[in-house]
Amino acid sequence: MLCIALGILAFIIGIEVQKRRLGTLGTLAGTINVLVLSNPMSFNISTFLDSAIGQLIGCVLATLVILLIRDTAKQRAGRILLNRFVYGAVSAMSTNKTRWRVNHLPLLYQQLFHLMAIFPGDVAKYRLALLLIVAHQRLRSAGYPGQ
């Protein structure tokens, strides 16, 4: 009976993993870890409670670590993208003819779309990126100083 129940649970969790629902695979591992059975298939409530309390304490500690340690990868990616925007816009001011002739607009628009995907609601970053794109277009159309 227990094997049938675990099989049904594994099947349902497999469907949820296909839908990319977070935590479902951990649920299966936690369920199997909590159920400690010996060969004669006896169920000791004290062993079950001990395993369940251990899982609960582990989940609480993992949640505390996630809440206390900030993830700065998203902020760092935003800074890198904005630095690339500034480089692309300022590159039109170069006196080097080969660097000046390089068209950075496709790359700037690609980075704009990437910025929109990472920060969907940040209007200030969009405004700055669009201003840099417009500045780059104006600087390219103005000509370089050695012309």
Foldseek 3Di string as FASTA:
>chain_A
DVVVVLVVLVVVLVVVVVVVDPPSVVVSVLVVQLDDADDVGDGDVVSSVVSVVVVVVVVVVVVVVPVPDDDCPLVVLLVVLLVVLQCLLCQCADQDVVSNPDDCLVVLVVSLVVNCVSDVPDVVSNVSSVVSSVSSVVSSVVDYPVD
